[in-house]
Amino acid sequence: MNLGTPSSLMNCVAYGRDGARREISLDEIEGVLARDDGSFVWVGLYQPPEALLEQLQDVFGLHDLAVEDAHNAHQRSKIEGYGNSMFIAVRTAQRIDDAIRFGETQMFVGERYLVTVRHGASISYAPARARMEREPELLQHGSGAALYAVLDMIVDNYRPIVDEFDDELNRLERDILGDGFHHGTVRKLYVLKRELTRLRMSVSPLQDVLGQLTRSRHALIHDELQPYFRDVLDHVLRMNEITDMLREMLTAAVSMNLSLVTVQQGETVKRLGAWAALLAAPTLITSWYGMNFVHMPELQGRYSYAMLIGALAATSYLLYRLFKRVGWL
């Protein structure tokens, strides 16, 4: 019976109690599980068809509700217990083409198996498998150790993304505090806040998942593995604190940008008002002499024109000095 295709099956490996690795086909899984030798099977899938999941359900005895959730690639991060097995769904993140892409990994965990189902933006868990193979003393704890390796890798992949958000925020802060207003800065602030909010929605629920794993005394999680899961939980808590801090700083940056724009607009209005006043004084005086009055004594004076020009110049100069002193020009 052919249970997989190259496009959806990433790996199918059996690990012995001593950590020895053996590549197997999907048809050989039942034979491995039939032997009571302490081994377990790790199957990795990427966006598998429904038929493959249904066939794996028969092989591993997966719960109907868990398989139904695995069919849907947009689950919230959660952990569900089904007798001697668990179903865990977590959100993943990856930077692709200068953008953050989010995916999902669903895990079926039993005493003798771990099945990982990846959807969307999610890198291969080959490094997690390689790490476990380098640490056979940890791998001897079975599928629980493999589950730890996958969760630890997912959380570690969040860190560089958070660091990039921090660097981008620092660059935007320098742009905000620079001279001039740029629409591109506002757009980048909005995009950064949107992506940071989506990242927090992925990281925050992991606290509940890992919290349950560290508090529960499930047979799949040996006592020796509890410190490792607590370490992953600590990383998640710190990551969540950093994202909260960045969101607060980003909110402050948006407010500061709006405040600086308002200040700049106020400065522009003051300058326009000052220049309008400078033009208003000469306009008022000259419009007075533009009226068609006959009996205006100063019109007959020899130096009236020169005196008018002097008065206009003096008034404009005094107004200019006044506005300069108060910072309007």
Protein backbone atom coordinates (compact mmCIF):
# COMPACT_ATOMS: atom_id res chain seq x y z
CA MET A 1 0.00 0.00 0.00
CA ASN A 2 1.52 3.33 -1.07
CA LEU A 3 0.80 5.89 1.66
CA GLY A 4 2.83 8.85 0.54
CA THR A 5 4.13 10.87 -2.35
CA PRO A 6 7.47 12.67 -2.70
CA SER A 7 5.70 16.03 -2.68
CA SER A 8 4.10 15.56 0.76
CA LEU A 9 6.35 13.05 2.59
CA MET A 10 9.43 14.80 3.99
CA ASN A 11 10.82 12.00 6.13
CA CYS A 12 9.89 8.70 7.73
CA VAL A 13 12.44 7.47 10.27
CA ALA A 14 12.45 4.86 13.02
CA TYR A 15 14.61 5.52 16.10
CA GLY A 16 15.72 2.74 18.39
CA ARG A 17 15.99 2.99 22.15
CA ASP A 18 19.70 3.73 21.74
CA GLY A 19 18.98 6.53 19.27
CA ALA A 20 19.95 4.52 16.20
CA ARG A 21 18.33 5.92 13.05
CA ARG A 22 16.75 3.81 10.33
CA GLU A 23 14.99 5.13 7.24
CA ILE A 24 11.76 3.27 6.63
CA SER A 25 8.88 3.46 4.21
CA LEU A 26 5.36 4.23 5.27
CA ASP A 27 4.45 0.59 4.60
CA GLU A 28 6.95 -0.51 7.25
CA ILE A 29 5.49 1.61 10.08
CA GLU A 30 3.09 -1.07 11.28
CA GLY A 31 5.92 -3.56 11.51
CA VAL A 32 8.02 -1.20 13.62
CA LEU A 33 5.12 -0.46 15.97
CA ALA A 34 4.41 -4.18 16.35
CA ARG A 35 7.85 -4.75 17.91
CA ASP A 36 7.99 -3.90 21.61
CA ASP A 37 11.60 -2.70 21.57
CA GLY A 38 11.19 0.89 22.76
CA SER A 39 11.59 2.38 19.29
CA PHE A 40 9.43 5.15 17.87
CA VAL A 41 8.62 6.54 14.43
CA TRP A 42 8.99 10.15 13.31
CA VAL A 43 7.01 11.06 10.19
CA GLY A 44 7.28 14.52 8.63
CA LEU A 45 4.67 15.78 6.15
CA TYR A 46 4.19 19.01 4.26
CA GLN A 47 0.66 19.94 3.18
CA PRO A 48 -0.39 16.30 2.76
CA PRO A 49 -3.57 15.31 0.95
CA GLU A 50 -6.53 14.21 3.03
CA ALA A 51 -6.20 10.62 1.84
CA LEU A 52 -2.68 10.36 3.29
CA LEU A 53 -3.79 11.69 6.69
CA GLU A 54 -6.69 9.27 6.76
CA GLN A 55 -4.36 6.36 6.01
CA LEU A 56 -1.95 7.50 8.75
CA GLN A 57 -4.93 7.70 11.06
CA ASP A 58 -5.47 3.99 10.54
CA VAL A 59 -1.78 3.21 11.11
CA PHE A 60 -1.33 5.23 14.32
CA GLY A 61 -4.92 5.18 15.59
CA LEU A 62 -5.24 8.98 15.51
CA HIS A 63 -8.38 10.56 16.94
CA ASP A 64 -11.02 11.69 14.44
CA LEU A 65 -11.17 15.24 15.83
CA ALA A 66 -7.39 15.63 15.66
CA VAL A 67 -7.30 14.49 12.04
CA GLU A 68 -10.18 16.83 11.24
CA ASP A 69 -8.19 19.73 12.73
CA ALA A 70 -5.14 18.71 10.72
CA HIS A 71 -7.18 18.96 7.52
CA ASN A 72 -7.77 22.66 8.29
CA ALA A 73 -4.57 24.66 7.97
CA HIS A 74 -5.80 27.66 9.99
CA GLN A 75 -6.01 26.41 13.55
CA ARG A 76 -5.24 28.50 16.60
CA SER A 77 -2.29 27.35 18.68
CA LYS A 78 -3.59 24.73 21.09
CA ILE A 79 -2.98 21.39 22.75
CA GLU A 80 -5.55 18.62 23.04
CA GLY A 81 -5.25 15.31 24.84
CA TYR A 82 -6.83 12.17 23.44
CA GLY A 83 -6.19 9.32 25.87
CA ASN A 84 -2.54 8.29 25.49
CA SER A 85 -1.89 10.72 22.64
CA MET A 86 -1.78 14.48 22.12
CA PHE A 87 -2.54 16.85 19.28
CA ILE A 88 -0.65 20.14 19.22
CA ALA A 89 -1.06 22.99 16.74
CA VAL A 90 1.34 25.95 16.69
CA ARG A 91 1.89 28.90 14.39
CA THR A 92 5.23 29.34 12.63
CA ALA A 93 6.87 32.35 11.01
CA GLN A 94 9.51 32.79 8.34
CA ARG A 95 10.99 35.73 6.45
CA ILE A 96 10.51 35.31 2.71
CA ASP A 97 11.33 38.05 0.15
CA ASP A 98 11.64 40.75 2.85
CA ALA A 99 8.21 39.88 4.25
CA ILE A 100 7.05 37.81 7.20
CA ARG A 101 5.08 34.75 6.14
CA PHE A 102 3.14 32.73 8.68
CA GLY A 103 2.46 29.03 8.60
CA GLU A 104 1.35 26.26 10.90
CA THR A 105 2.65 22.99 12.25
CA GLN A 106 0.39 20.32 13.67
CA MET A 107 1.81 17.45 15.69
CA PHE A 108 0.37 14.09 16.61
CA VAL A 109 2.28 12.65 19.56
CA GLY A 110 1.95 9.14 20.89
CA GLU A 111 4.13 6.81 22.92
CA ARG A 112 5.67 5.31 19.79
CA TYR A 113 5.29 8.05 17.20
CA LEU A 114 5.52 11.72 16.30
CA VAL A 115 3.82 12.98 13.14
CA THR A 116 4.50 16.60 12.12
CA VAL A 117 2.27 18.21 9.51
CA ARG A 118 3.50 21.52 8.12
CA HIS A 119 1.39 24.09 6.27
CA GLY A 120 2.39 27.37 4.64
CA ALA A 121 5.61 29.15 5.57
CA SER A 122 7.45 26.56 7.63
CA ILE A 123 11.00 25.33 7.21
CA SER A 124 11.99 21.69 7.40
CA TYR A 125 12.58 20.17 10.83
CA ALA A 126 15.65 18.32 9.58
CA PRO A 127 17.90 20.42 11.90
CA ALA A 128 15.78 19.32 14.88
CA ARG A 129 16.16 15.68 13.85
CA ALA A 130 19.90 16.14 13.36
CA ARG A 131 20.20 17.67 16.83
CA MET A 132 18.39 14.77 18.44
CA GLU A 133 20.61 12.30 16.59
CA ARG A 134 23.67 14.06 18.02
CA GLU A 135 22.20 13.67 21.52
CA PRO A 136 21.15 9.99 21.78
CA GLU A 137 20.92 10.26 25.57
CA LEU A 138 18.06 12.71 25.03
CA LEU A 139 16.54 10.84 22.14
CA GLN A 140 16.17 7.72 24.29
CA HIS A 141 13.22 9.45 25.96
CA GLY A 142 11.24 8.73 22.81
CA SER A 143 8.69 10.86 21.03
CA GLY A 144 8.60 13.39 23.88
CA ALA A 145 12.22 14.33 23.14
CA ALA A 146 11.42 14.73 19.43
CA LEU A 147 8.46 16.94 20.36
CA TYR A 148 10.77 19.12 22.46
CA ALA A 149 13.21 19.47 19.56
CA VAL A 150 10.47 20.63 17.18
CA LEU A 151 8.98 23.15 19.63
CA ASP A 152 12.43 24.49 20.52
CA MET A 153 13.23 25.00 16.84
CA ILE A 154 9.91 26.79 16.22
CA VAL A 155 10.53 29.18 19.11
CA ASP A 156 14.16 29.78 18.12
CA ASN A 157 13.05 30.74 14.61
CA TYR A 158 11.00 33.58 16.09
CA ARG A 159 14.06 35.30 17.58
CA PRO A 160 15.73 36.57 14.36
CA ILE A 161 12.37 37.92 13.18
CA VAL A 162 11.91 39.82 16.45
CA ASP A 163 15.48 41.17 16.15
CA GLU A 164 14.72 42.38 12.62
CA PHE A 165 11.61 44.15 13.91
CA ASP A 166 13.76 45.85 16.55
CA ASP A 167 16.31 47.00 13.97
CA GLU A 168 13.57 48.26 11.64
CA LEU A 169 11.96 50.20 14.47
CA ASN A 170 15.29 51.85 15.30
CA ARG A 171 15.70 52.91 11.66
CA LEU A 172 12.19 54.32 11.56
CA GLU A 173 12.79 56.25 14.78
CA ARG A 174 15.82 57.91 13.17
CA ASP A 175 13.68 58.81 10.15
CA ILE A 176 10.97 60.23 12.39
CA LEU A 177 13.42 62.40 14.30
CA GLY A 178 15.04 63.61 11.08
CA ASP A 179 14.05 66.71 9.17
CA GLY A 180 10.95 66.64 7.04
CA PHE A 181 7.88 64.49 6.81
CA HIS A 182 7.87 61.36 4.66
CA HIS A 183 4.74 59.42 3.76
CA GLY A 184 6.87 56.31 3.36
CA THR A 185 7.77 56.40 7.06
CA VAL A 186 4.10 56.40 8.04
CA ARG A 187 3.39 53.44 5.76
CA LYS A 188 6.34 51.52 7.18
CA LEU A 189 5.15 52.20 10.72
CA TYR A 190 1.72 50.84 9.86
CA VAL A 191 3.09 47.73 8.16
CA LEU A 192 5.51 47.09 11.03
CA LYS A 193 2.75 47.40 13.63
CA ARG A 194 0.50 45.07 11.63
CA GLU A 195 3.20 42.42 11.28
CA LEU A 196 4.22 42.75 14.91
CA THR A 197 0.61 42.24 16.00
CA ARG A 198 0.35 39.12 13.85
CA LEU A 199 3.63 37.84 15.32
CA ARG A 200 2.35 38.37 18.85
CA MET A 201 -0.82 36.44 17.97
CA SER A 202 1.44 33.54 17.01
CA VAL A 203 3.83 33.73 19.98
CA SER A 204 1.43 34.46 22.83
CA PRO A 205 -0.69 31.25 22.59
CA LEU A 206 2.49 29.19 22.80
CA GLN A 207 2.66 30.13 26.49
CA ASP A 208 -0.50 28.13 27.17
CA VAL A 209 0.69 25.16 25.09
CA LEU A 210 4.08 24.94 26.78
CA GLY A 211 2.57 25.77 30.16
CA GLN A 212 0.33 22.72 29.91
CA LEU A 213 3.25 20.55 28.81
CA THR A 214 5.38 21.64 31.78
CA ARG A 215 2.57 21.36 34.34
CA SER A 216 1.11 18.05 33.21
CA ARG A 217 2.57 14.70 34.17
CA HIS A 218 1.72 12.96 30.93
CA ALA A 219 3.33 9.60 30.23
CA LEU A 220 4.68 11.00 26.94
CA ILE A 221 6.71 13.67 28.74
CA HIS A 222 9.24 11.98 31.00
CA ASP A 223 10.32 13.80 34.14
CA GLU A 224 13.82 14.14 32.71
CA LEU A 225 12.37 16.20 29.84
CA GLN A 226 10.53 18.71 32.04
CA PRO A 227 13.56 21.08 32.40
CA TYR A 228 13.88 21.20 28.60
CA PHE A 229 10.24 22.14 28.11
CA ARG A 230 10.55 24.75 30.87
CA ASP A 231 13.52 26.22 29.02
CA VAL A 232 11.44 26.54 25.84
CA LEU A 233 8.64 28.13 27.88
CA ASP A 234 11.12 30.64 29.29
CA HIS A 235 12.20 31.55 25.75
CA VAL A 236 8.57 32.05 24.74
CA LEU A 237 7.90 34.27 27.76
CA ARG A 238 10.91 36.43 26.95
CA MET A 239 9.89 36.59 23.29
CA ASN A 240 6.41 37.67 24.29
CA GLU A 241 7.82 40.38 26.58
CA ILE A 242 10.03 41.68 23.76
CA THR A 243 7.11 41.80 21.31
CA ASP A 244 4.99 43.65 23.89
CA MET A 245 7.80 46.13 24.44
CA LEU A 246 8.23 46.63 20.68
CA ARG A 247 4.49 47.17 20.25
CA GLU A 248 4.52 49.82 22.98
CA MET A 249 7.56 51.50 21.43
CA LEU A 250 5.91 51.35 18.03
CA THR A 251 2.73 52.93 19.40
CA ALA A 252 4.88 55.66 20.95
CA ALA A 253 6.69 56.13 17.63
CA VAL A 254 3.38 56.53 15.79
CA SER A 255 2.21 59.09 18.37
CA MET A 256 5.52 60.91 18.19
CA ASN A 257 5.33 60.99 14.40
CA LEU A 258 1.83 62.48 14.55
CA SER A 259 2.97 65.01 17.15
CA LEU A 260 5.94 66.07 15.06
CA VAL A 261 3.71 66.42 12.00
CA THR A 262 1.35 68.61 14.02
CA VAL A 263 4.26 70.72 15.25
CA GLN A 264 5.58 71.09 11.71
CA GLN A 265 2.16 72.13 10.50
CA GLY A 266 1.96 74.67 13.34
CA GLU A 267 5.36 76.07 12.37
CA THR A 268 4.23 76.37 8.77
CA VAL A 269 1.03 78.15 9.80
CA LYS A 270 3.02 80.58 11.96
CA ARG A 271 5.36 81.39 9.08
CA LEU A 272 2.47 81.91 6.70
CA GLY A 273 0.77 84.12 9.30
CA ALA A 274 3.93 86.18 9.77
CA TRP A 275 4.39 86.72 6.03
CA ALA A 276 0.71 87.55 5.70
CA ALA A 277 1.10 90.22 8.39
CA LEU A 278 4.17 91.61 6.64
CA LEU A 279 2.19 91.96 3.46
CA ALA A 280 -0.94 93.21 5.21
CA ALA A 281 0.64 96.38 6.65
CA PRO A 282 1.85 97.80 3.30
CA THR A 283 -1.36 96.69 1.65
CA LEU A 284 -3.45 98.55 4.25
CA ILE A 285 -1.47 101.76 3.86
CA THR A 286 -1.36 101.73 0.08
CA SER A 287 -5.04 100.85 -0.19
CA TRP A 288 -5.78 103.90 1.93
CA TYR A 289 -4.15 106.11 -0.69
CA GLY A 290 -5.92 104.29 -3.46
CA MET A 291 -9.26 105.75 -2.35
CA ASN A 292 -10.71 108.58 -4.47
CA PHE A 293 -10.63 111.37 -1.87
CA VAL A 294 -9.97 114.92 -3.04
CA HIS A 295 -8.98 116.66 0.18
CA MET A 296 -5.92 114.66 1.30
CA PRO A 297 -3.32 117.25 2.41
CA GLU A 298 -0.30 114.95 2.12
CA LEU A 299 -0.95 114.37 -1.58
CA GLN A 300 0.31 117.87 -2.32
CA GLY A 301 3.52 117.51 -0.31
CA ARG A 302 6.81 117.46 -2.17
CA TYR A 303 8.23 114.58 -0.13
CA SER A 304 5.01 112.69 0.54
CA TYR A 305 5.89 109.83 -1.80
CA ALA A 306 9.31 109.35 -0.24
CA MET A 307 7.84 109.56 3.26
CA LEU A 308 5.23 106.92 2.35
CA ILE A 309 7.90 104.57 1.06
CA GLY A 310 9.92 105.12 4.24
CA ALA A 311 6.88 104.44 6.42
CA LEU A 312 6.16 101.24 4.55
CA ALA A 313 9.78 100.09 4.85
CA ALA A 314 9.97 100.94 8.56
CA THR A 315 6.68 99.18 9.33
CA SER A 316 7.73 96.08 7.41
CA TYR A 317 11.15 96.05 9.11
CA LEU A 318 9.68 96.40 12.59
CA LEU A 319 7.20 93.59 11.94
CA TYR A 320 9.97 91.39 10.52
CA ARG A 321 12.14 91.96 13.61
CA LEU A 322 9.20 91.22 15.90
CA PHE A 323 8.29 87.96 14.18
CA LYS A 324 11.96 86.95 14.05
CA ARG A 325 12.31 87.50 17.77
CA VAL A 326 9.29 85.38 18.66
CA GLY A 327 10.41 82.61 16.29
CA TRP A 328 7.72 82.93 13.66
CA LEU A 329 10.27 83.51 10.90
